[in-house]
Amino acid sequence: MNKYVYYLILCGTLLLHCCGERNTKPEGNKPTNGSTIISSSTLPIENNLINNSNMTQIGTKTNTNRTTTLTADDEEEKFNTFKSGLDIILKHMENELKDHKANIKPLSEYHVEEYENTLSQYPGFIEWLSNNPQKQKELANAFTYFYDFLNDQRIKQSSTLTNQQLLINTLNCNLKAYQKSNAQCNDNNYAYNNNSVQNLNDKIYSVFLQLLKEINTKNTNEERLDAIIQDILLKPDSVIARLIGTDRLEAMIKREKLNDNQEKGLDFLKKAFINLVNADYMLYTFLLFSENEIKEALDHIYSELEKCNGNNKKQDTFKSAIRNYFNIISSKKLYDFKYKVTSGC
């Protein structure tokens, strides 16, 4: 008899547990359960990054460190959004060339050549990419960091449109003539309009303009895609890096750029910043250096840690030296970091 009672209790417990779970993440482009997702990674870099109640404390794991495995639907959605952005910029180039030829709005010789080259090379590149599922997967994974930033903006604005449509509207709204003829450009449901990020639509436009221009810098489609991914989408000191927020920027650099020892160096650097009032800003400043500068500094930190061999007192001295260096740094250079910041071990 007791055995059956235990079974009933177990089943009841499992039922309560299952019913208590609730999906609070948005599915596709639609927020479910009325949830709003805000993390420190969504905060615009132009703002003061400190004293924010939603900020994840430096030195803790964040929800941006998720796997890069995407479903087929995710890949298609990101690729279509990426392509739509390029298509809109390309259309703007076509219109500017038409105005130039009609003597309505002359362009410089440099821009005429650049636009014409882009218009001639883009169709072949996008067709090659559209017919190459593996390359689309690589692109979608790299584009995820910026796409997620855009999706955060969509959720914060409570827009009912997809990210793809919001992007199209935002890029069109960046044109002054389009703004004058379309009052919806200031509507949060129609385009990305984050008042806390200065000139957000300009920055989004700049991202896709740079992506499109990369097509002119290389000779083969493989090289063009690699340049788009490495020189724009995943580059630490790019326009995208200045938009996506500290947490997401850190996740991108750790996952895409660093080896195990460099990750350990970054973890120690974050520990050195713990409890500082401007900790997030100091980490952000470091992450915006060039890839080579970041790696060299982290290699140095790891090397010094190895010398200390668990000596906590020396490690604390090393942390203090790191904090002092970043408190007084006045230029975008890390060339003297390994000489001025040592552990004394």
C-alpha atoms as a PDB file:
ATOM      1  CA  MET A   1       0.000   0.000   0.000  1.00  0.00           C
ATOM      2  CA  ASN A   2       2.785   2.403   0.967  1.00  0.00           C
ATOM      3  CA  LYS A   3       4.452   1.728  -2.393  1.00  0.00           C
ATOM      4  CA  TYR A   4       1.396   3.035  -4.276  1.00  0.00           C
ATOM      5  CA  VAL A   5       1.230   6.127  -2.060  1.00  0.00           C
ATOM      6  CA  TYR A   6       4.870   6.902  -2.890  1.00  0.00           C
ATOM      7  CA  TYR A   7       4.116   6.496  -6.609  1.00  0.00           C
ATOM      8  CA  LEU A   8       1.198   8.929  -6.332  1.00  0.00           C
ATOM      9  CA  ILE A   9       3.357  11.491  -4.506  1.00  0.00           C
ATOM     10  CA  LEU A  10       6.100  11.153  -7.119  1.00  0.00           C
ATOM     11  CA  CYS A  11       3.688  11.595 -10.030  1.00  0.00           C
ATOM     12  CA  GLY A  12       2.092  14.626  -8.381  1.00  0.00           C
ATOM     13  CA  THR A  13       5.487  16.235  -7.813  1.00  0.00           C
ATOM     14  CA  LEU A  14       6.525  15.695 -11.428  1.00  0.00           C
ATOM     15  CA  LEU A  15       3.231  17.136 -12.656  1.00  0.00           C
ATOM     16  CA  LEU A  16       3.653  20.282 -10.566  1.00  0.00           C
ATOM     17  CA  HIS A  17       7.246  20.687 -11.757  1.00  0.00           C
ATOM     18  CA  CYS A  18       6.328  20.394 -15.444  1.00  0.00           C
ATOM     19  CA  CYS A  19       3.386  22.780 -15.154  1.00  0.00           C
ATOM     20  CA  GLY A  20       5.564  25.297 -13.341  1.00  0.00           C
ATOM     21  CA  GLU A  21       7.992  25.635 -16.247  1.00  0.00           C
ATOM     22  CA  ARG A  22       7.311  28.445 -18.641  1.00  0.00           C
ATOM     23  CA  ASN A  23       9.118  29.532 -21.752  1.00  0.00           C
ATOM     24  CA  THR A  24      10.088  33.189 -21.379  1.00  0.00           C
ATOM     25  CA  LYS A  25      12.303  33.452 -24.446  1.00  0.00           C
ATOM     26  CA  PRO A  26      10.978  34.894 -27.681  1.00  0.00           C
ATOM     27  CA  GLU A  27      10.270  32.389 -30.417  1.00  0.00           C
ATOM     28  CA  GLY A  28      11.522  33.633 -33.744  1.00  0.00           C
ATOM     29  CA  ASN A  29      10.675  37.334 -33.815  1.00  0.00           C
ATOM     30  CA  LYS A  30       7.687  37.225 -31.455  1.00  0.00           C
ATOM     31  CA  PRO A  31       7.995  37.743 -27.695  1.00  0.00           C
ATOM     32  CA  THR A  32       6.016  35.115 -25.802  1.00  0.00           C
ATOM     33  CA  ASN A  33       4.280  35.320 -22.442  1.00  0.00           C
ATOM     34  CA  GLY A  34       4.662  39.103 -22.550  1.00  0.00           C
ATOM     35  CA  SER A  35       8.305  38.759 -21.538  1.00  0.00           C
ATOM     36  CA  THR A  36      10.986  41.374 -22.050  1.00  0.00           C
ATOM     37  CA  ILE A  37      14.620  40.320 -22.189  1.00  0.00           C
ATOM     38  CA  ILE A  38      17.141  42.961 -21.135  1.00  0.00           C
ATOM     39  CA  SER A  39      20.756  42.229 -20.292  1.00  0.00           C
ATOM     40  CA  SER A  40      23.883  44.314 -20.003  1.00  0.00           C
ATOM     41  CA  SER A  41      24.854  43.172 -23.495  1.00  0.00           C
ATOM     42  CA  THR A  42      21.928  45.129 -24.934  1.00  0.00           C
ATOM     43  CA  LEU A  43      23.082  48.425 -23.466  1.00  0.00           C
ATOM     44  CA  PRO A  44      24.421  50.896 -26.036  1.00  0.00           C
ATOM     45  CA  ILE A  45      28.138  51.462 -25.786  1.00  0.00           C
ATOM     46  CA  GLU A  46      27.717  55.210 -26.221  1.00  0.00           C
ATOM     47  CA  ASN A  47      26.092  55.380 -22.800  1.00  0.00           C
ATOM     48  CA  ASN A  48      27.938  55.381 -19.524  1.00  0.00           C
ATOM     49  CA  LEU A  49      28.209  51.654 -18.974  1.00  0.00           C
ATOM     50  CA  ILE A  50      28.312  51.717 -15.187  1.00  0.00           C
ATOM     51  CA  ASN A  51      25.689  51.877 -12.445  1.00  0.00           C
ATOM     52  CA  ASN A  52      23.120  49.875 -14.392  1.00  0.00           C
ATOM     53  CA  SER A  53      20.860  47.613 -12.377  1.00  0.00           C
ATOM     54  CA  ASN A  54      20.518  45.117 -15.215  1.00  0.00           C
ATOM     55  CA  MET A  55      24.252  44.684 -15.653  1.00  0.00           C
ATOM     56  CA  THR A  56      25.844  41.311 -15.058  1.00  0.00           C
ATOM     57  CA  GLN A  57      28.719  41.686 -12.601  1.00  0.00           C
ATOM     58  CA  ILE A  58      32.196  41.454 -14.047  1.00  0.00           C
ATOM     59  CA  GLY A  59      33.670  38.031 -13.445  1.00  0.00           C
ATOM     60  CA  THR A  60      30.421  36.081 -13.718  1.00  0.00           C
ATOM     61  CA  LYS A  61      29.122  33.919 -16.527  1.00  0.00           C
ATOM     62  CA  THR A  62      26.554  35.581 -18.763  1.00  0.00           C
ATOM     63  CA  ASN A  63      23.772  34.225 -20.895  1.00  0.00           C
ATOM     64  CA  THR A  64      25.557  35.465 -24.023  1.00  0.00           C
ATOM     65  CA  ASN A  65      28.012  32.570 -23.723  1.00  0.00           C
ATOM     66  CA  ARG A  66      25.731  30.154 -25.501  1.00  0.00           C
ATOM     67  CA  THR A  67      26.643  27.691 -28.210  1.00  0.00           C
ATOM     68  CA  THR A  68      26.801  28.872 -31.806  1.00  0.00           C
ATOM     69  CA  THR A  69      24.746  25.922 -33.048  1.00  0.00           C
ATOM     70  CA  LEU A  70      21.867  27.349 -35.081  1.00  0.00           C
ATOM     71  CA  THR A  71      18.797  25.592 -36.417  1.00  0.00           C
ATOM     72  CA  ALA A  72      18.097  25.623 -40.141  1.00  0.00           C
ATOM     73  CA  ASP A  73      15.358  28.215 -39.537  1.00  0.00           C
ATOM     74  CA  ASP A  74      17.772  30.404 -37.547  1.00  0.00           C
ATOM     75  CA  GLU A  75      20.336  30.260 -40.330  1.00  0.00           C
ATOM     76  CA  GLU A  76      17.758  31.103 -42.982  1.00  0.00           C
ATOM     77  CA  GLU A  77      16.356  33.995 -40.944  1.00  0.00           C
ATOM     78  CA  LYS A  78      19.798  35.496 -40.307  1.00  0.00           C
ATOM     79  CA  PHE A  79      20.947  35.017 -43.888  1.00  0.00           C
ATOM     80  CA  ASN A  80      17.780  36.606 -45.297  1.00  0.00           C
ATOM     81  CA  THR A  81      18.147  39.569 -42.926  1.00  0.00           C
ATOM     82  CA  PHE A  82      21.812  39.961 -43.876  1.00  0.00           C
ATOM     83  CA  LYS A  83      20.989  39.790 -47.601  1.00  0.00           C
ATOM     84  CA  SER A  84      18.089  42.243 -47.279  1.00  0.00           C
ATOM     85  CA  GLY A  85      20.411  44.785 -45.676  1.00  0.00           C
ATOM     86  CA  LEU A  86      22.903  44.510 -48.522  1.00  0.00           C
ATOM     87  CA  ASP A  87      20.125  44.644 -51.133  1.00  0.00           C
ATOM     88  CA  ILE A  88      18.824  47.934 -49.725  1.00  0.00           C
ATOM     89  CA  ILE A  89      22.278  49.554 -49.717  1.00  0.00           C
ATOM     90  CA  LEU A  90      22.817  48.305 -53.270  1.00  0.00           C
ATOM     91  CA  LYS A  91      19.527  49.877 -54.351  1.00  0.00           C
ATOM     92  CA  HIS A  92      20.616  53.178 -52.828  1.00  0.00           C
ATOM     93  CA  MET A  93      23.868  52.958 -54.817  1.00  0.00           C
ATOM     94  CA  GLU A  94      21.914  52.358 -58.012  1.00  0.00           C
ATOM     95  CA  ASN A  95      19.738  55.403 -57.360  1.00  0.00           C
ATOM     96  CA  GLU A  96      22.752  57.601 -56.616  1.00  0.00           C
ATOM     97  CA  LEU A  97      24.380  56.529 -59.870  1.00  0.00           C
ATOM     98  CA  LYS A  98      21.176  57.350 -61.760  1.00  0.00           C
ATOM     99  CA  ASP A  99      21.073  60.804 -60.170  1.00  0.00           C
ATOM    100  CA  HIS A 100      24.736  61.276 -61.051  1.00  0.00           C
ATOM    101  CA  LYS A 101      24.210  60.373 -64.696  1.00  0.00           C
ATOM    102  CA  ALA A 102      21.168  62.655 -64.846  1.00  0.00           C
ATOM    103  CA  ASN A 103      23.238  65.511 -63.355  1.00  0.00           C
ATOM    104  CA  ILE A 104      20.846  65.712 -60.407  1.00  0.00           C
ATOM    105  CA  LYS A 105      23.424  64.953 -57.737  1.00  0.00           C
ATOM    106  CA  PRO A 106      27.007  64.489 -58.994  1.00  0.00           C
ATOM    107  CA  LEU A 107      29.282  61.910 -57.381  1.00  0.00           C
ATOM    108  CA  SER A 108      33.049  61.928 -57.159  1.00  0.00           C
ATOM    109  CA  GLU A 109      34.938  59.814 -59.668  1.00  0.00           C
ATOM    110  CA  TYR A 110      36.032  57.546 -56.821  1.00  0.00           C
ATOM    111  CA  HIS A 111      32.456  56.834 -55.723  1.00  0.00           C
ATOM    112  CA  VAL A 112      31.266  56.260 -59.274  1.00  0.00           C
ATOM    113  CA  GLU A 113      33.946  53.619 -59.788  1.00  0.00           C
ATOM    114  CA  GLU A 114      33.311  52.073 -56.367  1.00  0.00           C
ATOM    115  CA  TYR A 115      29.549  51.856 -56.879  1.00  0.00           C
ATOM    116  CA  GLU A 116      29.859  50.451 -60.384  1.00  0.00           C
ATOM    117  CA  ASN A 117      32.322  47.779 -59.244  1.00  0.00           C
ATOM    118  CA  THR A 118      30.063  46.805 -56.351  1.00  0.00           C
ATOM    119  CA  LEU A 119      27.002  46.614 -58.591  1.00  0.00           C
ATOM    120  CA  SER A 120      28.843  44.365 -61.035  1.00  0.00           C
ATOM    121  CA  GLN A 121      30.352  42.023 -58.430  1.00  0.00           C
ATOM    122  CA  TYR A 122      27.516  41.690 -55.917  1.00  0.00           C
ATOM    123  CA  PRO A 123      25.106  39.534 -58.002  1.00  0.00           C
ATOM    124  CA  GLY A 124      27.732  36.833 -58.566  1.00  0.00           C
ATOM    125  CA  PHE A 125      28.798  36.862 -54.929  1.00  0.00           C
ATOM    126  CA  ILE A 126      25.287  36.622 -53.486  1.00  0.00           C
ATOM    127  CA  GLU A 127      24.321  33.889 -55.966  1.00  0.00           C
ATOM    128  CA  TRP A 128      27.406  31.871 -54.977  1.00  0.00           C
ATOM    129  CA  LEU A 129      26.584  32.367 -51.309  1.00  0.00           C
ATOM    130  CA  SER A 130      22.896  31.504 -51.797  1.00  0.00           C
ATOM    131  CA  ASN A 131      23.875  28.191 -53.394  1.00  0.00           C
ATOM    132  CA  ASN A 132      26.423  27.262 -50.718  1.00  0.00           C
ATOM    133  CA  PRO A 133      24.699  26.063 -47.494  1.00  0.00           C
ATOM    134  CA  GLN A 134      27.953  25.582 -45.578  1.00  0.00           C
ATOM    135  CA  LYS A 135      29.105  29.132 -46.303  1.00  0.00           C
ATOM    136  CA  GLN A 136      25.676  30.424 -45.316  1.00  0.00           C
ATOM    137  CA  LYS A 137      26.072  28.607 -41.986  1.00  0.00           C
ATOM    138  CA  GLU A 138      29.465  30.268 -41.406  1.00  0.00           C
ATOM    139  CA  LEU A 139      28.007  33.667 -42.236  1.00  0.00           C
ATOM    140  CA  ALA A 140      24.928  33.152 -40.036  1.00  0.00           C
ATOM    141  CA  ASN A 141      27.091  32.191 -37.050  1.00  0.00           C
ATOM    142  CA  ALA A 142      29.275  35.278 -37.465  1.00  0.00           C
ATOM    143  CA  PHE A 143      26.248  37.530 -38.057  1.00  0.00           C
ATOM    144  CA  THR A 144      24.536  36.218 -34.902  1.00  0.00           C
ATOM    145  CA  TYR A 145      26.206  38.731 -32.571  1.00  0.00           C
ATOM    146  CA  PHE A 146      24.910  41.742 -34.503  1.00  0.00           C
ATOM    147  CA  TYR A 147      21.568  40.101 -35.292  1.00  0.00           C
ATOM    148  CA  ASP A 148      20.958  39.414 -31.597  1.00  0.00           C
ATOM    149  CA  PHE A 149      21.711  43.065 -30.849  1.00  0.00           C
ATOM    150  CA  LEU A 150      19.075  44.083 -33.415  1.00  0.00           C
ATOM    151  CA  ASN A 151      16.621  41.594 -31.955  1.00  0.00           C
ATOM    152  CA  ASP A 152      17.159  43.057 -28.486  1.00  0.00           C
ATOM    153  CA  GLN A 153      16.249  46.480 -29.880  1.00  0.00           C
ATOM    154  CA  ARG A 154      13.115  45.033 -31.501  1.00  0.00           C
ATOM    155  CA  ILE A 155      11.988  43.491 -28.208  1.00  0.00           C
ATOM    156  CA  LYS A 156      12.689  46.677 -26.230  1.00  0.00           C
ATOM    157  CA  GLN A 157      10.636  48.655 -28.757  1.00  0.00           C
ATOM    158  CA  SER A 158       7.807  46.061 -28.639  1.00  0.00           C
ATOM    159  CA  SER A 159       7.752  46.022 -32.429  1.00  0.00           C
ATOM    160  CA  THR A 160       5.469  43.505 -34.121  1.00  0.00           C
ATOM    161  CA  LEU A 161       7.620  43.433 -37.267  1.00  0.00           C
ATOM    162  CA  THR A 162      10.388  40.963 -38.033  1.00  0.00           C
ATOM    163  CA  ASN A 163      14.011  42.019 -37.727  1.00  0.00           C
ATOM    164  CA  GLN A 164      14.300  41.718 -41.489  1.00  0.00           C
ATOM    165  CA  GLN A 165      11.492  44.221 -42.103  1.00  0.00           C
ATOM    166  CA  LEU A 166      12.683  46.546 -39.325  1.00  0.00           C
ATOM    167  CA  LEU A 167      16.136  46.569 -40.895  1.00  0.00           C
ATOM    168  CA  ILE A 168      14.773  47.367 -44.351  1.00  0.00           C
ATOM    169  CA  ASN A 169      12.706  50.238 -42.955  1.00  0.00           C
ATOM    170  CA  THR A 170      15.610  51.559 -40.871  1.00  0.00           C
ATOM    171  CA  LEU A 171      18.035  51.604 -43.790  1.00  0.00           C
ATOM    172  CA  ASN A 172      15.492  53.383 -45.986  1.00  0.00           C
ATOM    173  CA  CYS A 173      14.709  55.841 -43.198  1.00  0.00           C
ATOM    174  CA  ASN A 174      18.374  56.795 -43.065  1.00  0.00           C
ATOM    175  CA  LEU A 175      17.852  58.669 -46.346  1.00  0.00           C
ATOM    176  CA  LYS A 176      16.672  62.226 -45.664  1.00  0.00           C
ATOM    177  CA  ALA A 177      14.305  62.277 -48.631  1.00  0.00           C
ATOM    178  CA  TYR A 178      12.673  59.074 -47.404  1.00  0.00           C
ATOM    179  CA  GLN A 179      12.361  60.473 -43.874  1.00  0.00           C
ATOM    180  CA  LYS A 180      10.517  63.546 -45.128  1.00  0.00           C
ATOM    181  CA  SER A 181       8.004  61.447 -47.047  1.00  0.00           C
ATOM    182  CA  ASN A 182       7.456  58.824 -44.350  1.00  0.00           C
ATOM    183  CA  ALA A 183       6.320  59.900 -40.889  1.00  0.00           C
ATOM    184  CA  GLN A 184       6.583  56.292 -39.685  1.00  0.00           C
ATOM    185  CA  CYS A 185      10.373  56.530 -39.510  1.00  0.00           C
ATOM    186  CA  ASN A 186      10.108  57.717 -35.896  1.00  0.00           C
ATOM    187  CA  ASP A 187       7.661  54.960 -34.991  1.00  0.00           C
ATOM    188  CA  ASN A 188       9.181  52.275 -32.747  1.00  0.00           C
ATOM    189  CA  ASN A 189       7.022  49.672 -34.428  1.00  0.00           C
ATOM    190  CA  TYR A 190       8.349  50.621 -37.862  1.00  0.00           C
ATOM    191  CA  ALA A 191      12.120  51.087 -37.504  1.00  0.00           C
ATOM    192  CA  TYR A 192      14.915  50.734 -34.962  1.00  0.00           C
ATOM    193  CA  ASN A 193      14.725  53.881 -32.830  1.00  0.00           C
ATOM    194  CA  ASN A 194      16.772  53.575 -29.659  1.00  0.00           C
ATOM    195  CA  ASN A 195      17.036  57.029 -28.127  1.00  0.00           C
ATOM    196  CA  SER A 196      19.844  55.880 -25.822  1.00  0.00           C
ATOM    197  CA  VAL A 197      22.100  55.130 -28.808  1.00  0.00           C
ATOM    198  CA  GLN A 198      23.048  58.289 -30.641  1.00  0.00           C
ATOM    199  CA  ASN A 199      22.372  58.059 -34.392  1.00  0.00           C
ATOM    200  CA  LEU A 200      21.494  54.360 -34.218  1.00  0.00           C
ATOM    201  CA  ASN A 201      20.099  54.261 -37.754  1.00  0.00           C
ATOM    202  CA  ASP A 202      23.290  55.891 -39.081  1.00  0.00           C
ATOM    203  CA  LYS A 203      25.404  53.254 -37.350  1.00  0.00           C
ATOM    204  CA  ILE A 204      23.280  50.384 -38.670  1.00  0.00           C
ATOM    205  CA  TYR A 205      23.517  51.874 -42.160  1.00  0.00           C
ATOM    206  CA  SER A 206      27.287  52.184 -41.768  1.00  0.00           C
ATOM    207  CA  VAL A 207      27.560  48.496 -40.835  1.00  0.00           C
ATOM    208  CA  PHE A 208      25.848  47.293 -44.006  1.00  0.00           C
ATOM    209  CA  LEU A 209      27.622  49.827 -46.189  1.00  0.00           C
ATOM    210  CA  GLN A 210      30.963  48.489 -44.912  1.00  0.00           C
ATOM    211  CA  LEU A 211      29.818  44.900 -45.420  1.00  0.00           C
ATOM    212  CA  LEU A 212      28.920  45.641 -49.019  1.00  0.00           C
ATOM    213  CA  LYS A 213      32.164  47.495 -49.687  1.00  0.00           C
ATOM    214  CA  GLU A 214      34.173  44.443 -48.601  1.00  0.00           C
ATOM    215  CA  ILE A 215      33.109  42.792 -51.850  1.00  0.00           C
ATOM    216  CA  ASN A 216      35.409  45.214 -53.702  1.00  0.00           C
ATOM    217  CA  THR A 217      38.467  44.429 -51.595  1.00  0.00           C
ATOM    218  CA  LYS A 218      39.033  40.823 -52.725  1.00  0.00           C
ATOM    219  CA  ASN A 219      39.219  38.863 -55.946  1.00  0.00           C
ATOM    220  CA  THR A 220      37.335  35.639 -55.165  1.00  0.00           C
ATOM    221  CA  ASN A 221      34.028  34.899 -53.454  1.00  0.00           C
ATOM    222  CA  GLU A 222      35.818  32.867 -50.775  1.00  0.00           C
ATOM    223  CA  GLU A 223      38.082  35.822 -49.996  1.00  0.00           C
ATOM    224  CA  ARG A 224      35.135  38.238 -49.987  1.00  0.00           C
ATOM    225  CA  LEU A 225      33.193  36.151 -47.490  1.00  0.00           C
ATOM    226  CA  ASP A 226      36.246  35.754 -45.276  1.00  0.00           C
ATOM    227  CA  ALA A 227      36.794  39.531 -45.305  1.00  0.00           C
ATOM    228  CA  ILE A 228      33.139  40.164 -44.419  1.00  0.00           C
ATOM    229  CA  ILE A 229      33.330  37.748 -41.496  1.00  0.00           C
ATOM    230  CA  GLN A 230      36.792  38.534 -40.124  1.00  0.00           C
ATOM    231  CA  ASP A 231      37.153  42.240 -40.942  1.00  0.00           C
ATOM    232  CA  ILE A 232      33.613  43.384 -40.088  1.00  0.00           C
ATOM    233  CA  LEU A 233      31.375  40.872 -38.299  1.00  0.00           C
ATOM    234  CA  LEU A 234      33.963  39.454 -35.880  1.00  0.00           C
ATOM    235  CA  LYS A 235      36.499  42.270 -35.649  1.00  0.00           C
ATOM    236  CA  PRO A 236      36.969  43.564 -32.065  1.00  0.00           C
ATOM    237  CA  ASP A 237      37.455  47.221 -33.065  1.00  0.00           C
ATOM    238  CA  SER A 238      34.710  47.431 -35.713  1.00  0.00           C
ATOM    239  CA  VAL A 239      31.512  49.495 -35.826  1.00  0.00           C
ATOM    240  CA  ILE A 240      29.601  46.382 -34.754  1.00  0.00           C
ATOM    241  CA  ALA A 241      31.813  45.927 -31.692  1.00  0.00           C
ATOM    242  CA  ARG A 242      30.919  49.445 -30.557  1.00  0.00           C
ATOM    243  CA  LEU A 243      27.216  48.637 -30.724  1.00  0.00           C
ATOM    244  CA  ILE A 244      26.658  45.134 -29.398  1.00  0.00           C
ATOM    245  CA  GLY A 245      27.580  45.748 -25.750  1.00  0.00           C
ATOM    246  CA  THR A 246      30.326  44.521 -23.451  1.00  0.00           C
ATOM    247  CA  ASP A 247      28.952  41.069 -22.622  1.00  0.00           C
ATOM    248  CA  ARG A 248      28.244  40.142 -26.214  1.00  0.00           C
ATOM    249  CA  LEU A 249      31.572  41.585 -27.382  1.00  0.00           C
ATOM    250  CA  GLU A 250      33.371  39.511 -24.755  1.00  0.00           C
ATOM    251  CA  ALA A 251      31.498  36.368 -25.801  1.00  0.00           C
ATOM    252  CA  MET A 252      32.395  37.001 -29.444  1.00  0.00           C
ATOM    253  CA  ILE A 253      36.091  37.512 -28.767  1.00  0.00           C
ATOM    254  CA  LYS A 254      36.410  34.546 -26.399  1.00  0.00           C
ATOM    255  CA  ARG A 255      34.597  32.156 -28.694  1.00  0.00           C
ATOM    256  CA  GLU A 256      36.009  33.280 -32.022  1.00  0.00           C
ATOM    257  CA  LYS A 257      39.490  34.592 -31.288  1.00  0.00           C
ATOM    258  CA  LEU A 258      41.148  33.273 -28.118  1.00  0.00           C
ATOM    259  CA  ASN A 259      42.958  30.082 -27.160  1.00  0.00           C
ATOM    260  CA  ASP A 260      42.599  28.500 -23.700  1.00  0.00           C
ATOM    261  CA  ASN A 261      45.521  30.382 -22.158  1.00  0.00           C
ATOM    262  CA  GLN A 262      44.266  33.705 -23.493  1.00  0.00           C
ATOM    263  CA  GLU A 263      40.808  32.978 -22.055  1.00  0.00           C
ATOM    264  CA  LYS A 264      42.423  32.394 -18.658  1.00  0.00           C
ATOM    265  CA  GLY A 265      44.223  35.707 -19.057  1.00  0.00           C
ATOM    266  CA  LEU A 266      40.924  37.440 -19.817  1.00  0.00           C
ATOM    267  CA  ASP A 267      39.254  35.842 -16.800  1.00  0.00           C
ATOM    268  CA  PHE A 268      42.058  37.168 -14.567  1.00  0.00           C
ATOM    269  CA  LEU A 269      41.769  40.617 -16.139  1.00  0.00           C
ATOM    270  CA  LYS A 270      38.057  40.646 -15.271  1.00  0.00           C
ATOM    271  CA  LYS A 271      38.835  39.620 -11.697  1.00  0.00           C
ATOM    272  CA  ALA A 272      41.197  42.578 -11.458  1.00  0.00           C
ATOM    273  CA  PHE A 273      38.283  44.877 -12.326  1.00  0.00           C
ATOM    274  CA  ILE A 274      35.786  43.365  -9.855  1.00  0.00           C
ATOM    275  CA  ASN A 275      34.159  45.889  -7.495  1.00  0.00           C
ATOM    276  CA  LEU A 276      35.421  48.891  -9.457  1.00  0.00           C
ATOM    277  CA  VAL A 277      32.673  51.402 -10.129  1.00  0.00           C
ATOM    278  CA  ASN A 278      33.714  51.613 -13.802  1.00  0.00           C
ATOM    279  CA  ALA A 279      34.534  47.907 -14.206  1.00  0.00           C
ATOM    280  CA  ASP A 280      32.326  47.344 -17.238  1.00  0.00           C
ATOM    281  CA  TYR A 281      33.685  50.381 -19.039  1.00  0.00           C
ATOM    282  CA  MET A 282      37.289  49.336 -18.365  1.00  0.00           C
ATOM    283  CA  LEU A 283      36.636  45.865 -19.768  1.00  0.00           C
ATOM    284  CA  TYR A 284      34.871  47.369 -22.768  1.00  0.00           C
ATOM    285  CA  THR A 285      37.824  49.699 -23.408  1.00  0.00           C
ATOM    286  CA  PHE A 286      40.180  46.732 -23.428  1.00  0.00           C
ATOM    287  CA  LEU A 287      37.974  44.667 -25.754  1.00  0.00           C
ATOM    288  CA  LEU A 288      37.946  47.443 -28.352  1.00  0.00           C
ATOM    289  CA  PHE A 289      41.669  47.184 -28.989  1.00  0.00           C
ATOM    290  CA  SER A 290      42.806  45.341 -32.099  1.00  0.00           C
ATOM    291  CA  GLU A 291      42.805  41.553 -32.105  1.00  0.00           C
ATOM    292  CA  ASN A 292      46.603  41.333 -32.023  1.00  0.00           C
ATOM    293  CA  GLU A 293      46.866  43.811 -29.135  1.00  0.00           C
ATOM    294  CA  ILE A 294      44.262  41.914 -27.122  1.00  0.00           C
ATOM    295  CA  LYS A 295      45.973  38.570 -27.682  1.00  0.00           C
ATOM    296  CA  GLU A 296      49.428  39.901 -26.837  1.00  0.00           C
ATOM    297  CA  ALA A 297      48.180  41.457 -23.583  1.00  0.00           C
ATOM    298  CA  LEU A 298      46.335  38.285 -22.557  1.00  0.00           C
ATOM    299  CA  ASP A 299      49.367  36.127 -23.374  1.00  0.00           C
ATOM    300  CA  HIS A 300      51.391  38.375 -21.072  1.00  0.00           C
ATOM    301  CA  ILE A 301      48.820  38.115 -18.272  1.00  0.00           C
ATOM    302  CA  TYR A 302      48.779  34.324 -18.505  1.00  0.00           C
ATOM    303  CA  SER A 303      52.587  34.179 -18.556  1.00  0.00           C
ATOM    304  CA  GLU A 304      52.778  36.286 -15.384  1.00  0.00           C
ATOM    305  CA  LEU A 305      50.168  34.086 -13.696  1.00  0.00           C
ATOM    306  CA  GLU A 306      52.226  31.001 -14.471  1.00  0.00           C
ATOM    307  CA  LYS A 307      55.231  32.616 -12.808  1.00  0.00           C
ATOM    308  CA  CYS A 308      53.219  33.285  -9.639  1.00  0.00           C
ATOM    309  CA  ASN A 309      52.272  29.607  -9.335  1.00  0.00           C
ATOM    310  CA  GLY A 310      49.345  30.211  -6.965  1.00  0.00           C
ATOM    311  CA  ASN A 311      50.987  32.965  -4.884  1.00  0.00           C
ATOM    312  CA  ASN A 312      47.836  34.912  -3.935  1.00  0.00           C
ATOM    313  CA  LYS A 313      49.720  37.897  -2.550  1.00  0.00           C
ATOM    314  CA  LYS A 314      51.669  38.365  -5.774  1.00  0.00           C
ATOM    315  CA  GLN A 315      48.505  37.859  -7.806  1.00  0.00           C
ATOM    316  CA  ASP A 316      46.821  40.653  -5.851  1.00  0.00           C
ATOM    317  CA  THR A 317      49.803  42.881  -6.610  1.00  0.00           C
ATOM    318  CA  PHE A 318      49.443  41.985 -10.281  1.00  0.00           C
ATOM    319  CA  LYS A 319      45.722  42.860 -10.216  1.00  0.00           C
ATOM    320  CA  SER A 320      46.547  46.222  -8.689  1.00  0.00           C
ATOM    321  CA  ALA A 321      49.095  46.907 -11.433  1.00  0.00           C
ATOM    322  CA  ILE A 322      46.479  46.058 -14.080  1.00  0.00           C
ATOM    323  CA  ARG A 323      43.923  48.402 -12.510  1.00  0.00           C
ATOM    324  CA  ASN A 324      46.431  51.232 -12.271  1.00  0.00           C
ATOM    325  CA  TYR A 325      47.400  50.839 -15.913  1.00  0.00           C
ATOM    326  CA  PHE A 326      43.832  51.039 -17.192  1.00  0.00           C
ATOM    327  CA  ASN A 327      42.983  53.909 -14.874  1.00  0.00           C
ATOM    328  CA  ILE A 328      45.616  56.127 -16.467  1.00  0.00           C
ATOM    329  CA  ILE A 329      45.679  54.846 -20.048  1.00  0.00           C
ATOM    330  CA  SER A 330      45.090  57.808 -22.345  1.00  0.00           C
ATOM    331  CA  SER A 331      45.590  56.435 -25.832  1.00  0.00           C
ATOM    332  CA  LYS A 332      44.395  53.487 -27.859  1.00  0.00           C
ATOM    333  CA  LYS A 333      47.669  51.620 -27.444  1.00  0.00           C
ATOM    334  CA  LEU A 334      48.750  48.579 -25.459  1.00  0.00           C
ATOM    335  CA  TYR A 335      52.320  48.539 -26.704  1.00  0.00           C
ATOM    336  CA  ASP A 336      53.840  49.070 -23.238  1.00  0.00           C
ATOM    337  CA  PHE A 337      51.386  46.916 -21.244  1.00  0.00           C
ATOM    338  CA  LYS A 338      53.732  43.943 -20.860  1.00  0.00           C
ATOM    339  CA  TYR A 339      56.569  46.212 -19.741  1.00  0.00           C
ATOM    340  CA  LYS A 340      54.643  48.341 -17.249  1.00  0.00           C
ATOM    341  CA  VAL A 341      52.304  45.693 -15.820  1.00  0.00           C
ATOM    342  CA  THR A 342      54.151  42.852 -14.092  1.00  0.00           C
ATOM    343  CA  SER A 343      53.445  40.510 -11.197  1.00  0.00           C
ATOM    344  CA  GLY A 344      56.857  40.638  -9.529  1.00  0.00           C
ATOM    345  CA  CYS A 345      56.853  36.848  -9.321  1.00  0.00           C
END
